[in-house]
Amino acid sequence: MIRKTTLSILAATLATAGAVAFAARGAAENDALAVLQAKVSLTQAIAAAEQHAGGKAAKAEFEPSRQGPVYEVEVVAGTKVFDIKVDADKGSVISSVEDKID
């Protein structure tokens, strides 16, 4: 009886520790919440990227990075497609690279 109780307590302790570790990992990996800290909105970043490339945004997303948070915006201008990074704190275009057709 004591052995079953001890094993039950051990199993419950391990399960609880695993759940806490999983929850902490999930919170750290949920980068989408970091967008709440950005000084520039997604709409503003899209406008900056469209103006820079002279086209229309097809896709945009927020990405935290080592250099700071950025928006990655894909803009179609005529027959060209550009991948544009916009600083999420300043609203300025950091980089613009034309996609090459594979």
C-alpha atoms as a PDB file:
ATOM      1  CA  MET A   1       0.000   0.000   0.000  1.00  0.00           C
ATOM      2  CA  ILE A   2       2.795   2.408   0.902  1.00  0.00           C
ATOM      3  CA  ARG A   3       4.563   1.582  -2.368  1.00  0.00           C
ATOM      4  CA  LYS A   4       1.433   2.407  -4.423  1.00  0.00           C
ATOM      5  CA  THR A   5       1.009   5.690  -2.568  1.00  0.00           C
ATOM      6  CA  THR A   6       4.654   6.597  -3.088  1.00  0.00           C
ATOM      7  CA  LEU A   7       4.464   5.779  -6.799  1.00  0.00           C
ATOM      8  CA  SER A   8       1.247   7.787  -7.127  1.00  0.00           C
ATOM      9  CA  ILE A   9       2.821  10.818  -5.450  1.00  0.00           C
ATOM     10  CA  LEU A  10       5.927  10.487  -7.640  1.00  0.00           C
ATOM     11  CA  ALA A  11       3.818  10.240 -10.801  1.00  0.00           C
ATOM     12  CA  ALA A  12       1.732  13.272  -9.803  1.00  0.00           C
ATOM     13  CA  THR A  13       4.876  15.274  -9.036  1.00  0.00           C
ATOM     14  CA  LEU A  14       6.439  14.406 -12.388  1.00  0.00           C
ATOM     15  CA  ALA A  15       3.234  15.225 -14.250  1.00  0.00           C
ATOM     16  CA  THR A  16       2.955  18.588 -12.509  1.00  0.00           C
ATOM     17  CA  ALA A  17       6.594  19.437 -13.204  1.00  0.00           C
ATOM     18  CA  GLY A  18       6.156  18.492 -16.861  1.00  0.00           C
ATOM     19  CA  ALA A  19       3.014  20.602 -17.184  1.00  0.00           C
ATOM     20  CA  VAL A  20       4.728  23.622 -15.623  1.00  0.00           C
ATOM     21  CA  ALA A  21       7.741  23.232 -17.938  1.00  0.00           C
ATOM     22  CA  PHE A  22       5.476  22.886 -20.982  1.00  0.00           C
ATOM     23  CA  ALA A  23       3.452  25.972 -20.005  1.00  0.00           C
ATOM     24  CA  ALA A  24       6.607  28.028 -19.468  1.00  0.00           C
ATOM     25  CA  ARG A  25       8.012  26.908 -22.819  1.00  0.00           C
ATOM     26  CA  GLY A  26       4.725  27.691 -24.574  1.00  0.00           C
ATOM     27  CA  ALA A  27       4.629  31.208 -23.147  1.00  0.00           C
ATOM     28  CA  ALA A  28       8.211  31.886 -24.186  1.00  0.00           C
ATOM     29  CA  GLU A  29       7.601  30.543 -27.692  1.00  0.00           C
ATOM     30  CA  ASN A  30       4.433  32.547 -28.320  1.00  0.00           C
ATOM     31  CA  ASP A  31       6.112  35.366 -30.195  1.00  0.00           C
ATOM     32  CA  ALA A  32       2.795  36.695 -31.452  1.00  0.00           C
ATOM     33  CA  LEU A  33       2.245  38.409 -28.105  1.00  0.00           C
ATOM     34  CA  ALA A  34       5.403  40.465 -28.698  1.00  0.00           C
ATOM     35  CA  VAL A  35       3.514  42.457 -31.353  1.00  0.00           C
ATOM     36  CA  LEU A  36       1.712  44.212 -28.505  1.00  0.00           C
ATOM     37  CA  GLN A  37       5.018  45.884 -27.611  1.00  0.00           C
ATOM     38  CA  ALA A  38       5.671  47.195 -31.154  1.00  0.00           C
ATOM     39  CA  LYS A  39       5.445  50.976 -31.552  1.00  0.00           C
ATOM     40  CA  VAL A  40       4.411  50.666 -35.214  1.00  0.00           C
ATOM     41  CA  SER A  41       1.213  48.860 -36.220  1.00  0.00           C
ATOM     42  CA  LEU A  42       1.004  46.218 -38.923  1.00  0.00           C
ATOM     43  CA  THR A  43      -1.069  48.632 -41.023  1.00  0.00           C
ATOM     44  CA  GLN A  44       1.635  51.312 -40.790  1.00  0.00           C
ATOM     45  CA  ALA A  45       4.350  48.791 -41.711  1.00  0.00           C
ATOM     46  CA  ILE A  46       2.368  47.648 -44.751  1.00  0.00           C
ATOM     47  CA  ALA A  47       1.920  51.259 -45.885  1.00  0.00           C
ATOM     48  CA  ALA A  48       5.670  51.916 -45.549  1.00  0.00           C
ATOM     49  CA  ALA A  49       6.531  48.764 -47.521  1.00  0.00           C
ATOM     50  CA  GLU A  50       3.988  49.498 -50.273  1.00  0.00           C
ATOM     51  CA  GLN A  51       5.280  53.045 -50.644  1.00  0.00           C
ATOM     52  CA  HIS A  52       8.893  51.857 -50.724  1.00  0.00           C
ATOM     53  CA  ALA A  53       8.284  49.270 -53.479  1.00  0.00           C
ATOM     54  CA  GLY A  54       5.503  51.086 -55.295  1.00  0.00           C
ATOM     55  CA  GLY A  55       3.199  48.088 -55.135  1.00  0.00           C
ATOM     56  CA  LYS A  56       0.592  46.230 -53.103  1.00  0.00           C
ATOM     57  CA  ALA A  57       1.199  44.000 -50.094  1.00  0.00           C
ATOM     58  CA  ALA A  58       0.356  40.349 -50.610  1.00  0.00           C
ATOM     59  CA  LYS A  59       1.464  39.030 -47.220  1.00  0.00           C
ATOM     60  CA  ALA A  60       2.718  40.498 -43.943  1.00  0.00           C
ATOM     61  CA  GLU A  61       3.788  39.123 -40.584  1.00  0.00           C
ATOM     62  CA  PHE A  62       5.462  40.188 -37.359  1.00  0.00           C
ATOM     63  CA  GLU A  63       8.783  38.589 -36.466  1.00  0.00           C
ATOM     64  CA  PRO A  64      10.869  39.141 -33.348  1.00  0.00           C
ATOM     65  CA  SER A  65      14.589  39.085 -34.158  1.00  0.00           C
ATOM     66  CA  ARG A  66      17.917  39.566 -32.417  1.00  0.00           C
ATOM     67  CA  GLN A  67      18.196  43.091 -33.822  1.00  0.00           C
ATOM     68  CA  GLY A  68      14.678  43.945 -32.644  1.00  0.00           C
ATOM     69  CA  PRO A  69      11.138  43.294 -33.818  1.00  0.00           C
ATOM     70  CA  VAL A  70      10.398  43.604 -37.544  1.00  0.00           C
ATOM     71  CA  TYR A  71       7.501  43.236 -39.923  1.00  0.00           C
ATOM     72  CA  GLU A  72       8.174  41.132 -42.996  1.00  0.00           C
ATOM     73  CA  VAL A  73       6.013  42.345 -45.880  1.00  0.00           C
ATOM     74  CA  GLU A  74       5.792  40.774 -49.329  1.00  0.00           C
ATOM     75  CA  VAL A  75       4.946  43.424 -51.930  1.00  0.00           C
ATOM     76  CA  VAL A  76       3.984  42.865 -55.564  1.00  0.00           C
ATOM     77  CA  ALA A  77       4.985  45.679 -57.914  1.00  0.00           C
ATOM     78  CA  GLY A  78       4.156  44.953 -61.545  1.00  0.00           C
ATOM     79  CA  THR A  79       5.791  41.627 -62.351  1.00  0.00           C
ATOM     80  CA  LYS A  80       8.240  41.806 -59.449  1.00  0.00           C
ATOM     81  CA  VAL A  81       7.862  40.607 -55.870  1.00  0.00           C
ATOM     82  CA  PHE A  82       9.827  42.165 -53.010  1.00  0.00           C
ATOM     83  CA  ASP A  83      10.482  40.920 -49.484  1.00  0.00           C
ATOM     84  CA  ILE A  84      10.633  44.043 -47.340  1.00  0.00           C
ATOM     85  CA  LYS A  85      11.552  44.267 -43.666  1.00  0.00           C
ATOM     86  CA  VAL A  86      10.154  47.185 -41.675  1.00  0.00           C
ATOM     87  CA  ASP A  87      11.442  48.142 -38.218  1.00  0.00           C
ATOM     88  CA  ALA A  88       8.550  47.591 -35.781  1.00  0.00           C
ATOM     89  CA  ASP A  89       9.743  50.384 -33.480  1.00  0.00           C
ATOM     90  CA  LYS A  90      10.636  53.081 -36.031  1.00  0.00           C
ATOM     91  CA  GLY A  91       8.491  52.260 -39.062  1.00  0.00           C
ATOM     92  CA  SER A  92      11.448  52.562 -41.434  1.00  0.00           C
ATOM     93  CA  VAL A  93      12.354  50.075 -44.150  1.00  0.00           C
ATOM     94  CA  ILE A  94      15.362  48.034 -43.045  1.00  0.00           C
ATOM     95  CA  SER A  95      15.827  45.952 -46.182  1.00  0.00           C
ATOM     96  CA  SER A  96      14.211  45.256 -49.522  1.00  0.00           C
ATOM     97  CA  VAL A  97      15.109  42.208 -51.592  1.00  0.00           C
ATOM     98  CA  GLU A  98      13.576  41.191 -54.904  1.00  0.00           C
ATOM     99  CA  ASP A  99      12.363  37.595 -54.956  1.00  0.00           C
ATOM    100  CA  LYS A 100      13.966  35.585 -57.703  1.00  0.00           C
ATOM    101  CA  ILE A 101      11.851  33.148 -59.683  1.00  0.00           C
ATOM    102  CA  ASP A 102      12.979  29.584 -58.949  1.00  0.00           C
END
